[in-house]
Amino acid sequence: MKNVELEIEGDILTIKVDLSKTFGQSASGKSIVIATSEGNQALPGREEKIGLNVYRKQS
């Protein structure tokens, strides 16, 4: 994962992303990647999975 912090307390998942960071252009070149789970990832010690992309439109 890039720029993603996960915290699980009981049945509550908290996701933290630093919106000031970037990781370059998306594959299509239409947006700037801020954070990604890089596909679906298992949550530690859980059955659930997470798939996350945070991006903004290329200016």
N, C-alpha and C. Protein backbone atom coordinates (compact mmCIF):
# COMPACT_ATOMS: atom_id res chain seq x y z
N MET A 1 0.84 -1.18 0.00
CA MET A 1 0.00 0.00 0.00
C MET A 1 0.88 1.24 0.00
N LYS A 2 0.39 2.26 -0.65
CA LYS A 2 1.11 3.53 -0.71
C LYS A 2 0.28 4.61 -0.03
N ASN A 3 0.85 5.23 1.00
CA ASN A 3 0.24 6.36 1.69
C ASN A 3 -1.10 5.99 2.33
N VAL A 4 -1.21 4.77 2.84
CA VAL A 4 -2.44 4.31 3.48
C VAL A 4 -2.08 3.71 4.84
N GLU A 5 -2.71 4.21 5.89
CA GLU A 5 -2.58 3.62 7.23
C GLU A 5 -3.92 3.06 7.63
N LEU A 6 -3.93 1.81 8.06
CA LEU A 6 -5.16 1.17 8.50
C LEU A 6 -5.08 0.88 9.99
N GLU A 7 -6.19 1.08 10.67
CA GLU A 7 -6.28 0.74 12.10
C GLU A 7 -7.62 0.06 12.32
N ILE A 8 -7.57 -1.11 12.95
CA ILE A 8 -8.79 -1.84 13.25
C ILE A 8 -8.94 -1.92 14.76
N GLU A 9 -10.07 -1.42 15.26
CA GLU A 9 -10.42 -1.52 16.68
C GLU A 9 -11.77 -2.19 16.75
N GLY A 10 -11.79 -3.43 17.21
CA GLY A 10 -13.04 -4.19 17.23
C GLY A 10 -13.52 -4.39 15.81
N ASP A 11 -14.69 -3.87 15.51
CA ASP A 11 -15.24 -3.98 14.16
C ASP A 11 -15.19 -2.66 13.39
N ILE A 12 -14.35 -1.73 13.84
CA ILE A 12 -14.24 -0.42 13.19
C ILE A 12 -12.89 -0.32 12.48
N LEU A 13 -12.94 -0.05 11.17
CA LEU A 13 -11.74 0.18 10.36
C LEU A 13 -11.58 1.67 10.15
N THR A 14 -10.40 2.20 10.50
CA THR A 14 -10.08 3.60 10.28
C THR A 14 -8.97 3.66 9.24
N ILE A 15 -9.16 4.50 8.22
CA ILE A 15 -8.19 4.65 7.14
C ILE A 15 -7.64 6.07 7.19
N LYS A 16 -6.30 6.19 7.18
CA LYS A 16 -5.66 7.51 7.15
C LYS A 16 -4.86 7.64 5.86
N VAL A 17 -5.05 8.78 5.18
CA VAL A 17 -4.34 9.11 3.95
C VAL A 17 -3.85 10.53 4.05
N ASP A 18 -2.57 10.77 3.77
CA ASP A 18 -2.01 12.12 3.75
C ASP A 18 -2.29 12.71 2.37
N LEU A 19 -3.24 13.64 2.30
CA LEU A 19 -3.66 14.21 1.02
C LEU A 19 -2.63 15.15 0.40
N SER A 20 -1.55 15.46 1.13
CA SER A 20 -0.51 16.33 0.58
C SER A 20 0.51 15.56 -0.26
N LYS A 21 0.50 14.23 -0.19
CA LYS A 21 1.46 13.41 -0.94
C LYS A 21 0.89 13.01 -2.30
N THR A 22 1.79 12.78 -3.25
CA THR A 22 1.39 12.26 -4.56
C THR A 22 2.40 11.21 -5.01
N PHE A 23 1.95 10.34 -5.92
CA PHE A 23 2.80 9.28 -6.44
C PHE A 23 2.81 9.26 -7.96
N GLY A 24 2.64 10.42 -8.57
CA GLY A 24 2.70 10.53 -10.02
C GLY A 24 1.36 10.27 -10.68
N GLN A 25 1.42 10.13 -12.00
CA GLN A 25 0.22 9.95 -12.80
C GLN A 25 -0.33 8.54 -12.69
N SER A 26 -1.63 8.44 -12.91
CA SER A 26 -2.27 7.13 -13.01
C SER A 26 -1.83 6.48 -14.33
N ALA A 27 -2.18 5.23 -14.52
CA ALA A 27 -1.83 4.51 -15.75
C ALA A 27 -2.41 5.20 -16.98
N SER A 28 -3.61 5.76 -16.85
CA SER A 28 -4.25 6.43 -17.99
C SER A 28 -3.68 7.83 -18.23
N GLY A 29 -3.01 8.40 -17.21
CA GLY A 29 -2.48 9.74 -17.32
C GLY A 29 -3.50 10.83 -17.08
N LYS A 30 -4.72 10.46 -16.71
CA LYS A 30 -5.79 11.43 -16.51
C LYS A 30 -5.85 11.97 -15.08
N SER A 31 -5.17 11.32 -14.16
CA SER A 31 -5.25 11.75 -12.76
C SER A 31 -3.91 11.55 -12.05
N ILE A 32 -3.81 12.17 -10.88
CA ILE A 32 -2.63 12.07 -10.03
C ILE A 32 -2.98 11.15 -8.86
N VAL A 33 -2.16 10.14 -8.62
CA VAL A 33 -2.40 9.18 -7.54
C VAL A 33 -1.93 9.77 -6.22
N ILE A 34 -2.80 9.74 -5.22
CA ILE A 34 -2.48 10.23 -3.87
C ILE A 34 -2.24 9.05 -2.94
N ALA A 35 -3.05 8.01 -3.06
CA ALA A 35 -2.90 6.82 -2.21
C ALA A 35 -3.53 5.63 -2.93
N THR A 36 -3.02 4.44 -2.66
CA THR A 36 -3.59 3.24 -3.26
C THR A 36 -3.27 2.01 -2.41
N SER A 37 -4.20 1.08 -2.43
CA SER A 37 -3.94 -0.21 -1.78
C SER A 37 -3.27 -1.16 -2.76
N GLU A 38 -3.09 -0.71 -4.00
CA GLU A 38 -2.47 -1.51 -5.07
C GLU A 38 -3.23 -2.81 -5.29
N GLY A 39 -4.53 -2.66 -5.50
CA GLY A 39 -5.40 -3.83 -5.69
C GLY A 39 -6.10 -4.19 -4.39
N ASN A 40 -6.83 -5.27 -4.41
CA ASN A 40 -7.54 -5.71 -3.21
C ASN A 40 -6.58 -6.41 -2.26
N GLN A 41 -6.60 -5.98 -1.00
CA GLN A 41 -5.69 -6.52 0.01
C GLN A 41 -6.49 -7.02 1.20
N ALA A 42 -6.05 -8.12 1.78
CA ALA A 42 -6.71 -8.65 2.99
C ALA A 42 -6.40 -7.74 4.17
N LEU A 43 -7.39 -7.54 5.01
CA LEU A 43 -7.18 -6.80 6.26
C LEU A 43 -6.52 -7.74 7.26
N PRO A 44 -5.50 -7.28 7.97
CA PRO A 44 -4.77 -8.15 8.90
C PRO A 44 -5.69 -8.81 9.93
N GLY A 45 -5.66 -10.13 9.99
CA GLY A 45 -6.43 -10.87 10.97
C GLY A 45 -7.92 -10.90 10.72
N ARG A 46 -8.36 -10.52 9.51
CA ARG A 46 -9.80 -10.44 9.19
C ARG A 46 -10.08 -11.17 7.88
N GLU A 47 -11.35 -11.46 7.64
CA GLU A 47 -11.77 -12.06 6.37
C GLU A 47 -11.97 -11.00 5.29
N GLU A 48 -12.27 -9.76 5.69
CA GLU A 48 -12.57 -8.69 4.74
C GLU A 48 -11.33 -8.28 3.96
N LYS A 49 -11.60 -7.69 2.80
CA LYS A 49 -10.53 -7.15 1.97
C LYS A 49 -10.83 -5.67 1.71
N ILE A 50 -9.78 -4.94 1.33
CA ILE A 50 -9.94 -3.53 1.01
C ILE A 50 -9.33 -3.27 -0.37
N GLY A 51 -10.02 -2.44 -1.15
CA GLY A 51 -9.53 -1.95 -2.42
C GLY A 51 -9.71 -0.44 -2.41
N LEU A 52 -8.61 0.32 -2.43
CA LEU A 52 -8.70 1.76 -2.23
C LEU A 52 -7.84 2.49 -3.24
N ASN A 53 -8.41 3.53 -3.86
CA ASN A 53 -7.66 4.46 -4.71
C ASN A 53 -8.12 5.87 -4.36
N VAL A 54 -7.16 6.73 -4.06
CA VAL A 54 -7.46 8.15 -3.83
C VAL A 54 -6.67 8.90 -4.89
N TYR A 55 -7.36 9.76 -5.64
CA TYR A 55 -6.70 10.48 -6.74
C TYR A 55 -7.40 11.81 -6.98
N ARG A 56 -6.73 12.66 -7.75
CA ARG A 56 -7.35 13.91 -8.18
C ARG A 56 -7.10 14.09 -9.67
N LYS A 57 -7.99 14.82 -10.28
CA LYS A 57 -7.92 15.06 -11.72
C LYS A 57 -6.63 15.81 -12.06
N GLN A 58 -5.99 15.40 -13.13
CA GLN A 58 -4.78 16.05 -13.63
C GLN A 58 -5.14 17.48 -14.06
N SER A 59 -4.36 18.46 -13.63
CA SER A 59 -4.70 19.84 -14.03
C SER A 59 -3.92 20.29 -15.24
